[in-house]
Protein backbone atom coordinates (compact mmCIF):
# COMPACT_ATOMS: atom_id res chain seq x y z
CA MET A 1 4.37 -20.48 52.52
CA ARG A 2 7.77 -20.23 50.88
CA TYR A 3 7.39 -23.82 49.63
CA HIS A 4 4.02 -23.00 48.00
CA LEU A 5 5.52 -19.93 46.35
CA LEU A 6 8.35 -22.04 44.87
CA ILE A 7 5.83 -24.57 43.55
CA PHE A 8 3.72 -21.77 42.07
CA VAL A 9 6.77 -20.19 40.37
CA GLY A 10 7.84 -23.63 39.11
CA LEU A 11 4.38 -24.22 37.60
CA ILE A 12 4.39 -20.81 35.93
CA ILE A 13 7.84 -21.47 34.43
CA THR A 14 6.77 -24.93 33.28
CA LEU A 15 3.60 -23.54 31.66
CA PHE A 16 5.54 -20.74 30.01
CA CYS A 17 8.13 -23.14 28.61
CA SER A 18 5.53 -25.62 27.38
CA CYS A 19 3.56 -22.83 25.69
CA ASP A 20 6.74 -21.55 24.09
CA GLN A 21 7.56 -25.06 22.81
CA SER A 22 4.04 -25.67 21.48
CA GLN A 23 4.16 -22.38 19.59
CA LYS A 24 7.42 -23.47 17.98
CA HIS A 25 5.80 -26.71 16.85
CA GLN A 26 2.72 -24.89 15.56
CA THR A 27 4.67 -22.93 12.99
CA THR A 28 4.17 -24.90 9.83
CA ALA A 29 7.03 -25.05 7.42
CA VAL A 30 5.84 -25.05 3.85
CA SER A 31 6.98 -28.27 2.30
CA SER A 32 9.06 -27.94 -0.79
CA HIS A 33 7.90 -29.48 -4.05
CA ILE A 34 10.04 -30.06 -7.14
CA LEU A 35 7.68 -27.80 -9.13
CA GLU A 36 8.64 -24.70 -7.17
CA GLY A 37 10.68 -22.17 -9.11
CA GLY A 38 10.74 -20.73 -12.59
CA TRP A 39 9.75 -22.49 -15.81
CA LEU A 40 9.90 -21.59 -19.51
CA ALA A 41 7.47 -23.57 -21.67
CA SER A 42 8.07 -24.52 -25.29
CA ASP A 43 5.29 -22.09 -26.33
CA GLY A 44 6.94 -19.14 -24.52
CA THR A 45 4.83 -19.28 -21.36
CA VAL A 46 6.76 -18.38 -18.20
CA PHE A 47 5.69 -19.62 -14.76
CA LEU A 48 6.99 -18.85 -11.30
CA PHE A 49 5.59 -21.44 -8.89
CA ARG A 50 5.94 -20.28 -5.27
CA ALA A 51 6.14 -22.31 -2.07
CA ASP A 52 2.94 -20.68 -0.77
CA GLY A 53 0.85 -22.49 -3.39
CA THR A 54 0.55 -19.59 -5.83
CA PHE A 55 2.07 -18.94 -9.23
CA HIS A 56 2.55 -15.93 -11.48
CA GLY A 57 3.67 -15.53 -15.05
CA PHE A 58 2.58 -14.87 -18.61
CA ASP A 59 1.26 -17.07 -21.38
CA PHE A 60 2.37 -17.46 -25.01
CA ARG A 61 0.31 -14.37 -25.92
CA HIS A 62 2.13 -12.37 -23.23
CA ARG A 63 -1.00 -12.13 -21.12
CA GLU A 64 -0.57 -12.21 -17.35
CA ILE A 65 -1.43 -15.46 -15.59
CA TRP A 66 -1.60 -16.14 -11.89
CA GLY A 67 -3.37 -18.58 -9.69
CA ASN A 68 -2.99 -21.46 -7.27
CA TRP A 69 -1.43 -24.90 -7.41
CA VAL A 70 -1.85 -27.97 -5.24
CA THR A 71 0.27 -31.07 -4.74
CA LEU A 72 -1.34 -34.18 -6.22
CA SER A 73 1.68 -36.43 -5.68
CA LYS A 74 5.46 -36.20 -5.47
CA GLU A 75 5.73 -35.78 -9.25
CA ARG A 76 2.37 -34.24 -10.12
CA VAL A 77 0.55 -30.99 -9.28
CA GLY A 78 -2.70 -29.40 -10.33
CA PHE A 79 -2.97 -25.69 -11.06
CA GLN A 80 -5.40 -23.14 -12.44
CA SER A 81 -4.97 -19.56 -13.52
CA LEU A 82 -7.41 -17.19 -11.88
CA LEU A 83 -6.80 -14.35 -14.33
CA HIS A 84 -7.78 -15.96 -17.61
CA ASP A 85 -11.42 -15.95 -18.55
CA SER A 86 -11.87 -19.31 -20.21
CA TYR A 87 -8.67 -20.11 -22.08
CA TYR A 88 -6.70 -21.71 -19.25
CA ALA A 89 -8.81 -24.54 -17.93
CA PRO A 90 -7.54 -26.50 -14.93
CA GLN A 91 -4.20 -28.11 -15.67
CA TYR A 92 -1.80 -30.57 -14.22
CA ALA A 93 1.94 -30.86 -14.47
CA ILE A 94 4.19 -33.90 -14.27
CA ILE A 95 7.88 -33.76 -13.45
CA ALA A 96 9.82 -36.91 -14.23
CA ASN A 97 11.94 -38.41 -11.46
CA ASN A 98 14.88 -38.78 -13.83
CA ASP A 99 14.96 -35.07 -14.81
CA THR A 100 13.61 -32.54 -12.32
CA ASN A 101 14.48 -29.71 -14.72
CA GLN A 102 11.86 -30.90 -17.22
CA MET A 103 8.12 -30.41 -16.70
CA ASN A 104 5.22 -31.42 -18.91
CA TYR A 105 1.79 -29.92 -18.37
CA ILE A 106 -1.59 -30.33 -19.99
CA VAL A 107 -4.88 -28.49 -19.94
CA THR A 108 -7.70 -30.70 -18.72
CA GLY A 109 -9.35 -32.14 -21.79
CA GLY A 110 -6.28 -31.28 -23.87
CA THR A 111 -4.79 -33.64 -26.43
CA HIS A 112 -1.08 -33.07 -25.85
CA PHE A 113 1.41 -32.00 -23.20
CA ILE A 114 3.42 -28.78 -23.35
CA SER A 115 7.02 -29.15 -22.22
CA ALA A 116 8.87 -26.67 -20.03
CA LYS A 117 12.44 -26.29 -18.83
CA ARG A 118 13.46 -24.94 -15.44
CA LEU A 119 14.49 -21.28 -15.20
CA SER A 120 16.19 -19.64 -12.27
CA ILE A 121 13.83 -17.70 -10.03
CA GLU A 122 15.68 -14.50 -10.94
CA GLU A 123 15.23 -15.12 -14.69
CA ALA A 124 11.54 -15.89 -14.25
CA GLU A 125 10.93 -12.80 -12.10
CA ALA A 126 12.81 -10.54 -14.54
CA SER A 127 10.91 -11.94 -17.55
CA ILE A 128 7.57 -11.51 -15.80
CA LYS A 129 8.42 -7.95 -14.79
CA VAL A 130 9.44 -6.96 -18.32
CA VAL A 131 6.34 -8.45 -19.97
CA ILE A 132 3.71 -7.66 -17.34
CA ASP A 133 4.73 -4.18 -16.15
CA ARG A 134 3.87 -2.59 -19.48
CA THR A 135 0.40 -4.17 -19.51
CA ILE A 136 -0.72 -3.25 -16.00
CA HIS A 137 -3.50 -0.68 -16.00
CA LYS A 138 -2.82 1.98 -13.42
CA PRO A 139 -4.94 4.91 -12.31
CA ARG A 140 -3.93 8.28 -13.64
CA GLU A 141 -2.16 10.42 -11.13
CA SER A 142 -4.09 13.44 -9.91
CA GLU A 143 -2.96 16.75 -11.28
């Protein structure tokens, strides 16, 4: 009886440990891409590309942009703003291997690339806050 109890306890411990290990392996680390971070485009657009596949920012008219991006390759991503009506069509960005602080992006069907330089995340967040906060429509507070 004591032998069976030891086997049972050993099985429970083994199952517990294997479940604990499988849960550790199930947590998916978001892979980093060279696009992640802040960017200032030559036309004044500011982007903040996040590791979760989203981005936020404002365009050259100081209108808020946000949306999703996907990895197409090591140097290329596709992204689309969900906030613009029709102006920002799907786009893709290319980051050269020789200069990861330089990005070029183009609107699908566009005729030329727009260049952008890397910004620190803090600079991008501060710029977005300054430009966007004043344009956000908020409900009036009850009296």
